[in-house]
Amino acid sequence: MTVDIRLPKQVIDRLERRWRSRFDRERQLNSELFDRRLEQLRAHRNNVLRYRRLLQTQLSDLEREFIERRLSEEVGAMQGVAADIPPLPAASFDRAASEEIRP
């Protein structure tokens, strides 16, 4: 048995606005968090690439040791940030816009 509940249009509109605003706020916060994590990943990736380029140059043993240590720290930090990224809903995933990030 289905019960029909009839509400005035203004009540329905108000309920829909509340629902949408709550949903949009949550989605916006998730999006901001995701964007922040991507920025962190890009910064770590750029540092990793820079350290790898430096390792291809002539360095003293002390310099090479320092850069290798910094490289391993950056890779670890990058993996930590990547593990902390919240999952995206499947509908909002766009393969063309995704960026491959390798440690």
Protein backbone atom coordinates (compact mmCIF):
# COMPACT_ATOMS: atom_id res chain seq x y z
CA MET A 1 0.00 0.00 0.00
CA THR A 2 1.48 3.32 -1.10
CA VAL A 3 0.55 6.50 0.70
CA ASP A 4 0.49 9.65 -1.37
CA ILE A 5 1.74 12.68 0.53
CA ARG A 6 0.94 15.93 -1.11
CA LEU A 7 3.03 18.91 -0.10
CA PRO A 8 2.73 22.50 -1.31
CA LYS A 9 5.14 23.42 -4.12
CA GLN A 10 7.07 25.94 -1.99
CA VAL A 11 7.77 23.23 0.63
CA ILE A 12 9.01 20.83 -2.03
CA ASP A 13 11.18 23.56 -3.56
CA ARG A 14 12.65 24.42 -0.17
CA LEU A 15 13.41 20.76 0.54
CA GLU A 16 15.07 20.35 -2.84
CA ARG A 17 17.18 23.50 -2.35
CA ARG A 18 18.32 22.26 1.05
CA TRP A 19 19.16 18.85 -0.34
CA ARG A 20 21.09 20.31 -3.28
CA SER A 21 23.00 22.81 -1.14
CA ARG A 22 24.04 20.12 1.33
CA PHE A 23 25.10 17.78 -1.47
CA ASP A 24 26.96 20.53 -3.34
CA ARG A 25 28.83 21.63 -0.20
CA GLU A 26 29.99 18.08 0.48
CA ARG A 27 31.04 17.61 -3.15
CA GLN A 28 32.87 20.95 -3.10
CA LEU A 29 34.81 20.01 0.04
CA ASN A 30 35.78 16.65 -1.48
CA SER A 31 36.82 18.40 -4.67
CA GLU A 32 38.99 20.90 -2.78
CA LEU A 33 40.65 18.11 -0.82
CA PHE A 34 41.28 16.18 -4.01
CA ASP A 35 42.72 19.28 -5.73
CA ARG A 36 45.03 19.94 -2.79
CA ARG A 37 46.30 16.37 -2.87
CA LEU A 38 46.92 16.58 -6.61
CA GLU A 39 48.93 19.77 -6.11
CA GLN A 40 51.03 18.01 -3.48
CA LEU A 41 51.56 15.07 -5.83
CA ARG A 42 52.67 17.40 -8.63
CA ALA A 43 55.14 19.15 -6.32
CA HIS A 44 56.62 15.83 -5.17
CA ARG A 45 56.72 14.53 -8.76
CA ASN A 46 58.58 17.66 -9.89
CA ASN A 47 61.08 17.25 -7.06
CA VAL A 48 61.60 13.58 -7.96
CA LEU A 49 62.25 14.50 -11.58
CA ARG A 50 64.67 17.26 -10.56
CA TYR A 51 66.61 14.90 -8.25
CA ARG A 52 66.79 12.24 -10.96
CA ARG A 53 68.20 14.82 -13.38
CA LEU A 54 70.75 15.91 -10.79
CA LEU A 55 71.85 12.31 -10.26
CA GLN A 56 72.78 12.14 -13.95
CA THR A 57 75.33 14.94 -13.47
CA GLN A 58 78.80 14.78 -11.96
CA LEU A 59 78.50 15.01 -8.19
CA SER A 60 80.74 14.44 -5.22
CA ASP A 61 79.99 11.42 -3.06
CA LEU A 62 78.51 13.66 -0.37
CA GLU A 63 76.25 15.47 -2.86
CA ARG A 64 75.14 12.20 -4.45
CA GLU A 65 74.34 10.71 -1.05
CA PHE A 66 72.32 13.78 -0.07
CA ILE A 67 70.33 13.80 -3.32
CA GLU A 68 69.64 10.06 -3.12
CA ARG A 69 68.35 10.52 0.41
CA ARG A 70 66.13 13.44 -0.65
CA LEU A 71 64.91 11.41 -3.63
CA SER A 72 63.84 8.51 -1.42
CA GLU A 73 62.12 10.96 0.98
CA GLU A 74 60.21 12.55 -1.90
CA VAL A 75 59.13 9.17 -3.30
CA GLY A 76 57.93 8.13 0.16
CA ALA A 77 56.05 11.40 0.63
CA MET A 78 54.51 11.03 -2.82
CA GLN A 79 53.32 7.50 -2.05
CA GLY A 80 51.86 8.71 1.24
CA VAL A 81 49.91 11.49 -0.45
CA ALA A 82 48.73 9.14 -3.21
CA ALA A 83 47.44 6.66 -0.60
CA ASP A 84 45.58 9.48 1.17
CA ILE A 85 43.61 10.69 -1.88
CA PRO A 86 39.88 10.04 -1.48
CA PRO A 87 38.33 7.92 -4.24
CA LEU A 88 36.42 9.73 -6.97
CA PRO A 89 32.95 8.67 -7.97
CA ALA A 90 33.13 6.62 -11.18
CA ALA A 91 30.86 9.05 -13.02
CA SER A 92 33.24 11.97 -12.53
CA PHE A 93 36.35 10.12 -13.73
CA ASP A 94 37.61 11.36 -17.08
CA ARG A 95 40.47 9.30 -18.53
CA ALA A 96 41.55 12.04 -20.92
CA ALA A 97 41.98 14.48 -18.03
CA SER A 98 43.79 12.05 -15.76
CA GLU A 99 47.52 12.37 -15.34
CA GLU A 100 49.91 9.48 -14.93
CA ILE A 101 52.09 9.86 -11.87
CA ARG A 102 54.96 7.45 -11.30
CA PRO A 103 57.39 7.54 -8.37
